[in-house]
């Protein structure tokens, strides 16, 4: 059951990250890979608690959904103009 919960948490993080990228990519704000990294690191402090591993996996999903911006070290700003894909890593 724990494996299913962690997979669901990771998938939900990815989905929320993609929705934020497609719908909120034109807003001047920090990129959401930063929030994913904060959640993944913060979850490590609570790994013994019930919500620790799901928090880490949610952060990983959020981080992966914006992996391209992390690779290019984009911290703040609007996403580049272009076709927005829901399934993918932009």
Protein backbone atom coordinates (compact mmCIF):
# COMPACT_ATOMS: atom_id res chain seq x y z
CA UNK A 1 0.00 0.00 0.00
CA UNK A 2 2.86 2.39 0.75
CA UNK A 3 4.31 1.91 -2.73
CA UNK A 4 0.97 2.79 -4.30
CA UNK A 5 0.65 5.89 -2.10
CA UNK A 6 4.12 7.12 -3.01
CA UNK A 7 3.54 6.52 -6.73
CA UNK A 8 0.25 8.41 -6.54
CA UNK A 9 1.92 11.28 -4.66
CA UNK A 10 4.65 11.48 -7.30
CA UNK A 11 2.10 11.41 -10.14
CA UNK A 12 -0.05 14.09 -8.49
CA UNK A 13 3.05 16.29 -8.08
CA UNK A 14 3.84 15.83 -11.76
CA UNK A 15 0.25 16.60 -12.81
CA UNK A 16 0.09 19.75 -10.66
CA UNK A 17 3.44 20.87 -12.05
CA UNK A 18 2.25 20.38 -15.62
CA UNK A 19 -1.00 22.23 -14.96
CA UNK A 20 1.02 25.07 -13.45
CA UNK A 21 3.31 25.11 -16.46
CA UNK A 22 0.52 25.14 -19.04
CA UNK A 23 -1.87 27.51 -17.24
CA UNK A 24 0.54 29.65 -15.23
CA UNK A 25 3.61 29.72 -17.47
CA UNK A 26 2.97 33.34 -18.44
CA UNK A 27 3.07 34.56 -14.82
CA UNK A 28 6.31 36.15 -13.65
CA UNK A 29 7.13 33.98 -10.64
CA UNK A 30 9.68 31.43 -9.39
CA UNK A 31 9.79 28.25 -11.46
CA UNK A 32 8.06 25.32 -9.80
CA UNK A 33 11.11 23.07 -9.80
CA UNK A 34 12.24 25.18 -6.84
CA UNK A 35 9.11 24.25 -4.87
CA UNK A 36 9.61 20.60 -5.76
CA UNK A 37 13.18 20.69 -4.52
CA UNK A 38 12.11 22.38 -1.27
CA UNK A 39 9.40 19.75 -0.70
CA UNK A 40 11.76 16.86 -1.48
CA UNK A 41 14.43 18.15 0.89
CA UNK A 42 11.89 19.15 3.54
CA UNK A 43 10.26 15.73 3.39
CA UNK A 44 13.58 14.13 4.30
CA UNK A 45 13.28 15.64 7.78
CA UNK A 46 9.96 13.82 8.25
CA UNK A 47 10.85 10.50 6.63
CA UNK A 48 9.90 8.59 9.78
CA UNK A 49 6.45 10.22 9.83
CA UNK A 50 3.50 9.02 7.78
CA UNK A 51 3.62 12.01 5.40
CA UNK A 52 7.41 12.11 4.92
CA UNK A 53 7.84 9.78 1.93
CA UNK A 54 4.70 11.05 0.11
CA UNK A 55 5.99 14.62 0.57
CA UNK A 56 9.34 13.67 -0.93
CA UNK A 57 7.67 11.93 -3.87
CA UNK A 58 5.27 14.84 -4.43
CA UNK A 59 8.31 17.14 -4.55
CA UNK A 60 10.08 14.80 -6.97
CA UNK A 61 7.05 14.81 -9.29
CA UNK A 62 6.85 18.60 -9.16
CA UNK A 63 10.59 18.85 -9.79
CA UNK A 64 10.54 16.45 -12.75
CA UNK A 65 7.65 18.30 -14.38
CA UNK A 66 9.90 21.37 -14.72
CA UNK A 67 13.20 19.56 -15.27
CA UNK A 68 14.14 21.51 -18.40
CA UNK A 69 14.03 24.82 -16.53
CA UNK A 70 16.21 23.29 -13.81
CA UNK A 71 18.77 22.11 -16.38
CA UNK A 72 18.87 25.64 -17.82
CA UNK A 73 19.00 27.05 -14.24
CA UNK A 74 15.96 29.25 -14.70
CA UNK A 75 14.93 30.52 -11.29
CA UNK A 76 12.42 33.28 -11.92
CA UNK A 77 10.44 34.60 -14.83
CA UNK A 78 8.02 33.76 -17.58
CA UNK A 79 8.30 30.56 -19.59
CA UNK A 80 9.34 30.86 -23.24
CA UNK A 81 6.60 31.37 -25.78
CA UNK A 82 5.68 28.32 -27.78
CA UNK A 83 3.34 25.40 -27.90
CA UNK A 84 2.55 24.14 -24.40
CA UNK A 85 2.49 20.37 -24.04
CA UNK A 86 0.80 18.79 -21.08
CA UNK A 87 2.58 15.42 -21.20
CA UNK A 88 6.29 16.06 -21.35
CA UNK A 89 9.11 17.89 -19.66
CA UNK A 90 9.46 21.53 -20.73
